[in-house]
Protein backbone atom coordinates (compact mmCIF):
# COMPACT_ATOMS: atom_id res chain seq x y z
CA MET A 1 -3.94 -47.74 -84.74
CA THR A 2 -1.60 -48.94 -82.02
CA ASN A 3 -3.27 -46.67 -79.45
CA ILE A 4 -6.66 -48.11 -80.35
CA LYS A 5 -5.30 -51.63 -79.97
CA ASN A 6 -3.86 -50.83 -76.54
CA PHE A 7 -7.15 -49.28 -75.55
CA PHE A 8 -9.05 -52.47 -76.43
CA ILE A 9 -6.56 -54.60 -74.49
CA ILE A 10 -7.01 -52.43 -71.40
CA PHE A 11 -10.78 -52.38 -71.94
CA ILE A 12 -10.95 -56.19 -72.08
CA LEU A 13 -8.86 -56.42 -68.92
CA LEU A 14 -11.18 -54.01 -67.19
CA LEU A 15 -14.17 -56.03 -68.29
CA ASN A 16 -12.63 -59.19 -66.91
CA SER A 17 -11.95 -57.40 -63.67
CA CYS A 18 -15.68 -57.11 -62.98
CA SER A 19 -15.67 -60.71 -61.79
CA GLY A 20 -12.07 -60.69 -60.60
CA ASN A 21 -9.66 -58.61 -58.53
CA PRO A 22 -9.37 -54.95 -59.69
CA GLU A 23 -6.03 -54.56 -57.88
CA LYS A 24 -4.55 -57.33 -60.01
CA VAL A 25 -5.56 -55.50 -63.21
CA ASP A 26 -4.00 -52.26 -61.99
CA SER A 27 -0.83 -54.19 -61.22
CA ILE A 28 -0.67 -55.64 -64.75
CA ILE A 29 -1.21 -52.24 -66.36
CA GLN A 30 1.38 -50.62 -64.12
CA GLU A 31 3.90 -53.36 -64.78
CA ASP A 32 3.43 -53.07 -68.54
CA ASN A 33 3.87 -49.31 -68.31
CA LEU A 34 7.06 -49.61 -66.23
CA ASP A 35 8.44 -52.15 -68.65
CA ARG A 36 7.95 -49.80 -71.60
CA GLN A 37 9.44 -46.87 -69.70
CA MET A 38 12.44 -48.97 -68.69
CA MET A 39 13.10 -50.16 -72.24
CA SER A 40 12.81 -46.60 -73.50
CA ALA A 41 15.38 -45.40 -70.96
CA TYR A 42 17.65 -48.34 -71.79
CA LYS A 43 17.48 -47.56 -75.51
CA GLN A 44 18.29 -43.90 -74.86
CA GLY A 45 21.28 -45.07 -72.85
CA LEU A 46 22.50 -47.22 -75.75
CA ASP A 47 22.09 -44.36 -78.22
CA ALA A 48 24.01 -41.98 -75.95
CA LEU A 49 26.76 -44.58 -75.45
CA LYS A 50 27.20 -44.94 -79.22
CA LYS A 51 27.62 -41.15 -79.44
CA GLY A 52 30.23 -41.16 -76.68
CA ASP A 53 28.10 -39.31 -74.14
CA VAL A 54 28.84 -41.69 -71.26
CA TYR A 55 27.45 -39.53 -68.49
CA PHE A 56 24.03 -39.23 -70.11
CA ALA A 57 24.19 -42.92 -71.04
CA ALA A 58 24.94 -43.89 -67.44
CA LYS A 59 22.10 -41.65 -66.25
CA LYS A 60 19.60 -43.39 -68.55
CA PHE A 61 20.89 -46.87 -67.65
CA ASN A 62 20.54 -46.05 -63.95
CA GLU A 63 17.06 -44.72 -64.67
CA ALA A 64 16.15 -47.98 -66.41
CA GLU A 65 17.35 -49.94 -63.39
CA LEU A 66 15.36 -47.81 -60.94
CA LEU A 67 12.18 -47.98 -63.01
CA TYR A 68 12.01 -51.77 -63.00
CA PRO A 69 14.62 -53.31 -60.63
CA GLN A 70 12.96 -56.76 -60.79
CA SER A 71 13.58 -57.02 -64.53
CA GLU A 72 16.54 -58.90 -65.98
CA TRP A 73 17.41 -55.70 -67.82
CA ALA A 74 18.10 -53.88 -64.55
CA ALA A 75 21.29 -55.87 -63.97
CA LYS A 76 22.33 -55.39 -67.60
CA ALA A 77 21.74 -51.66 -67.24
CA ILE A 78 24.30 -51.45 -64.42
CA LEU A 79 26.84 -53.36 -66.51
CA MET A 80 26.23 -51.07 -69.48
CA ALA A 81 26.73 -48.00 -67.29
CA SER A 82 29.96 -49.57 -65.98
CA TYR A 83 31.22 -50.31 -69.47
CA GLY A 84 30.37 -46.79 -70.59
CA TYR A 85 32.46 -45.28 -67.82
CA PHE A 86 35.28 -47.77 -68.46
CA SER A 87 35.37 -47.06 -72.20
CA GLN A 88 36.07 -43.39 -71.52
CA ALA A 89 38.64 -44.07 -68.76
CA TYR A 90 36.37 -43.02 -65.87
CA TYR A 91 37.66 -45.99 -63.87
CA SER A 92 36.54 -44.82 -60.44
CA SER A 93 32.92 -44.41 -61.57
CA ALA A 94 33.02 -47.75 -63.39
CA SER A 95 34.38 -49.45 -60.26
CA ASP A 96 31.59 -48.01 -58.11
CA GLU A 97 28.94 -49.33 -60.52
CA LEU A 98 30.56 -52.76 -60.70
CA LYS A 99 30.87 -53.11 -56.93
CA ARG A 100 27.19 -52.23 -56.65
CA PHE A 101 26.34 -54.83 -59.31
CA ILE A 102 28.35 -57.57 -57.54
CA LYS A 103 26.67 -56.80 -54.22
CA LYS A 104 23.15 -56.53 -55.66
CA TYR A 105 23.24 -59.42 -58.16
CA PRO A 106 25.56 -62.09 -56.67
CA LYS A 107 24.00 -64.86 -58.81
CA ASP A 108 23.78 -63.04 -62.12
CA PRO A 109 25.09 -65.03 -65.12
CA ASN A 110 27.32 -62.07 -66.07
CA LEU A 111 29.08 -61.99 -62.70
CA ASP A 112 32.34 -63.24 -64.23
CA TYR A 113 32.36 -60.28 -66.61
CA ALA A 114 31.71 -57.86 -63.73
CA TYR A 115 34.65 -59.18 -61.71
CA TYR A 116 36.90 -59.08 -64.75
CA LEU A 117 35.91 -55.54 -65.72
CA LEU A 118 36.50 -54.41 -62.12
CA ALA A 119 40.01 -55.91 -62.28
CA MET A 120 40.61 -54.10 -65.56
CA CYS A 121 39.55 -50.80 -63.95
CA HIS A 122 42.32 -51.24 -61.38
CA TYR A 123 44.76 -52.41 -64.05
CA GLU A 124 44.14 -49.46 -66.35
CA SER A 125 44.54 -47.09 -63.39
CA ILE A 126 48.23 -48.03 -63.07
CA VAL A 127 50.26 -44.94 -63.90
CA ASP A 128 53.63 -45.30 -62.20
CA GLU A 129 54.36 -48.45 -60.22
CA LYS A 130 57.34 -46.72 -58.60
CA LYS A 131 55.08 -44.16 -56.90
CA ASP A 132 51.69 -45.76 -56.32
CA LEU A 133 51.33 -49.45 -55.55
CA LYS A 134 47.59 -49.44 -54.73
CA PRO A 135 46.23 -49.90 -58.29
CA LEU A 136 48.75 -52.71 -58.85
CA LEU A 137 47.81 -54.54 -55.66
CA ASP A 138 44.07 -53.99 -56.22
CA ALA A 139 44.38 -55.33 -59.77
CA LYS A 140 46.35 -58.34 -58.58
CA GLU A 141 43.73 -59.16 -55.95
CA SER A 142 40.87 -58.74 -58.44
CA PHE A 143 42.47 -60.88 -61.15
CA ASN A 144 43.15 -63.59 -58.57
CA LEU A 145 39.45 -63.51 -57.66
CA VAL A 146 38.49 -64.00 -61.31
CA ILE A 147 40.79 -67.02 -61.54
CA GLN A 148 39.48 -68.51 -58.29
CA LYS A 149 35.78 -67.94 -58.95
CA PHE A 150 35.66 -68.53 -62.71
CA PRO A 151 38.63 -70.78 -63.57
CA LEU A 152 37.18 -72.20 -66.79
CA THR A 153 36.41 -68.89 -68.48
CA ASP A 154 38.31 -66.82 -71.02
CA PHE A 155 38.38 -64.11 -68.38
CA ALA A 156 40.49 -66.39 -66.18
CA ILE A 157 42.94 -67.04 -69.04
CA ASP A 158 43.47 -63.34 -69.64
CA SER A 159 43.65 -62.71 -65.88
CA LYS A 160 46.60 -65.09 -65.62
CA TYR A 161 48.36 -63.21 -68.40
CA LYS A 162 47.67 -59.87 -66.71
CA LEU A 163 48.96 -61.23 -63.39
CA GLY A 164 52.27 -62.04 -65.09
CA LEU A 165 52.56 -58.43 -66.24
CA ILE A 166 51.61 -57.14 -62.79
CA ASN A 167 54.24 -59.33 -61.13
CA ASP A 168 56.82 -57.96 -63.55
CA LEU A 169 55.88 -54.43 -62.49
CA LEU A 170 56.00 -55.33 -58.79
CA ALA A 171 59.39 -56.98 -59.27
CA ALA A 172 60.56 -53.91 -61.19
CA LYS A 173 59.69 -51.72 -58.21
CA GLU A 174 61.60 -54.00 -55.85
CA MET A 175 64.61 -53.97 -58.17
CA TYR A 176 64.45 -50.19 -58.52
CA ILE A 177 64.58 -49.78 -54.73
CA ALA A 178 67.29 -52.46 -54.35
CA ARG A 179 69.53 -50.67 -56.86
CA HIS A 180 69.01 -47.44 -54.94
CA TYR A 181 70.07 -49.11 -51.70
CA ILE A 182 73.12 -50.67 -53.38
CA LYS A 183 74.13 -47.26 -54.68
CA LYS A 184 73.81 -45.85 -51.14
CA GLU A 185 75.66 -48.90 -49.76
CA ARG A 186 72.75 -49.88 -47.57
CA TRP A 187 73.51 -53.55 -47.95
CA VAL A 188 70.96 -55.13 -45.59
CA ALA A 189 68.07 -53.11 -47.06
CA ALA A 190 69.20 -54.06 -50.57
CA ILE A 191 69.40 -57.76 -49.65
CA ASN A 192 65.87 -57.69 -48.22
CA ARG A 193 64.47 -56.19 -51.43
CA LEU A 194 66.34 -58.66 -53.63
CA LYS A 195 65.08 -61.58 -51.55
CA VAL A 196 61.50 -60.41 -52.14
CA ILE A 197 62.10 -60.85 -55.88
CA VAL A 198 63.68 -64.29 -55.39
CA ASN A 199 60.92 -65.52 -53.06
CA GLN A 200 57.83 -63.89 -54.57
CA TYR A 201 58.61 -63.01 -58.19
CA ASP A 202 60.88 -65.81 -59.34
CA THR A 203 58.99 -66.18 -62.64
CA THR A 204 59.63 -62.58 -63.69
CA ILE A 205 62.36 -61.19 -65.93
CA TYR A 206 64.14 -59.75 -62.88
CA ILE A 207 65.02 -63.04 -61.17
CA GLU A 208 68.41 -63.41 -62.87
CA GLU A 209 69.55 -59.91 -62.00
CA ALA A 210 68.26 -60.32 -58.44
CA LEU A 211 70.36 -63.45 -57.94
CA HIS A 212 73.42 -61.73 -59.38
CA ARG A 213 72.94 -58.68 -57.14
CA LEU A 214 72.76 -61.01 -54.14
CA VAL A 215 76.07 -62.51 -55.22
CA GLU A 216 77.55 -59.05 -55.63
CA VAL A 217 76.30 -57.63 -52.32
CA HIS A 218 77.19 -60.64 -50.19
CA TYR A 219 80.68 -60.69 -51.69
CA LYS A 220 81.16 -56.99 -50.91
CA ILE A 221 80.22 -57.42 -47.25
CA GLY A 222 82.52 -60.44 -46.87
CA LEU A 223 79.96 -63.25 -46.91
CA GLU A 224 81.65 -65.21 -49.68
CA SER A 225 79.91 -68.51 -48.91
CA GLU A 226 76.49 -66.82 -49.26
CA ALA A 227 77.66 -65.20 -52.48
CA LYS A 228 78.67 -68.61 -53.87
CA LYS A 229 75.32 -70.08 -52.82
CA TYR A 230 73.42 -67.56 -54.92
CA ALA A 231 75.92 -67.95 -57.76
CA ASN A 232 75.27 -71.70 -57.74
CA THR A 233 71.52 -71.07 -57.90
CA LEU A 234 71.98 -68.65 -60.76
CA GLY A 235 74.22 -71.07 -62.64
CA TYR A 236 71.95 -74.06 -62.07
CA ASN A 237 68.85 -72.32 -63.38
CA TYR A 238 70.26 -69.75 -65.81
CA LEU A 239 73.62 -71.07 -66.96
CA SER A 240 73.64 -69.16 -70.26
CA SER A 241 72.58 -65.91 -68.62
CA GLU A 242 74.71 -62.79 -68.98
CA TRP A 243 74.11 -62.21 -65.26
CA TYR A 244 75.79 -65.53 -64.49
CA LYS A 245 78.87 -64.35 -66.34
CA GLU A 246 78.76 -61.14 -64.32
CA SER A 247 78.66 -63.20 -61.15
CA TYR A 248 81.73 -65.15 -62.30
CA ARG A 249 83.52 -61.83 -62.73
CA VAL A 250 82.77 -60.95 -59.09
CA PHE A 251 85.07 -63.81 -58.05
CA ASN A 252 87.54 -63.41 -60.90
CA LYS A 253 88.39 -59.74 -61.41
CA ASN A 254 90.57 -60.44 -64.48
CA TYR A 255 87.72 -62.10 -66.36
CA THR A 256 86.31 -60.10 -69.27
CA ILE A 257 83.11 -60.94 -71.17
CA ASP A 258 83.51 -61.23 -74.93
CA ARG A 259 80.11 -60.57 -76.47
CA LYS A 260 81.17 -62.27 -79.75
CA THR A 261 82.32 -65.56 -78.28
CA SER A 262 81.84 -68.58 -80.56
CA LYS A 263 79.56 -71.48 -79.62
CA LYS A 264 82.54 -73.74 -78.94
CA GLU A 265 84.18 -71.14 -76.74
CA LYS A 266 80.90 -70.53 -74.92
CA LYS A 267 80.72 -74.24 -74.05
CA LYS A 268 84.25 -74.12 -72.66
CA LEU A 269 83.36 -71.02 -70.70
CA ARG A 270 80.28 -72.69 -69.19
CA ASP A 271 82.40 -75.66 -68.12
CA ARG A 272 84.88 -73.31 -66.46
CA LEU A 273 82.12 -71.45 -64.67
CA LYS A 274 80.56 -74.67 -63.41
CA SER A 275 83.87 -76.00 -62.12
CA PHE A 276 84.61 -72.71 -60.35
CA PHE A 277 81.40 -72.82 -58.29
């Protein structure tokens, strides 16, 4: 019955074309046919994605895009192919699709999602920050772009959270190298790494240790005034820190840290530390 109905629609169009433009009718028929083919390919892509066959899904989504690139579904097809790859940890393939989407559809309403998913591809590619910095730096750059371009979105909120984690990892790498240099007594190299943490990653969990290590290293090489400067900074910002107590011990070798000190004794200790520096 449906075929008969379609036949009558085409027949009516052909009749109307007798007094009109036959090329226009051909265009309408062709467009309708492409639209149906595209939707069929898109649906096959969705079905394959649900089954976990991401490669076939991506193939059908790409086919849908190629069949009717002017359609709004073409852009969605690229995003679906990207998500399919991402969901199965094929981050390189997902990134390629997303970069193509961003270049081809710079005004698409889902552009914020594309930028965010691209950042997540870099983020999920992080394996060992001590060996490979590229995924970390790429993720940091991409999350910053999300925040700059789409500041009022939920993607921006999560990007800020992810940036905090990335900065912790970058600071961890700097601290790892600084400890290595300290162990090898390469004082200048250690100081340079520790200063990177102080200047660039001062909101991370490694800032207190970095300040203490600067106290420790400067004291060892005879720059006591520099050591006291960093100790003052540590005490001013992190007075109750265990690292501040360690810094006090650098100047007072007989001082021992009692982990079970009472609150009253801790207050006395803080007063002593403050007066010393």
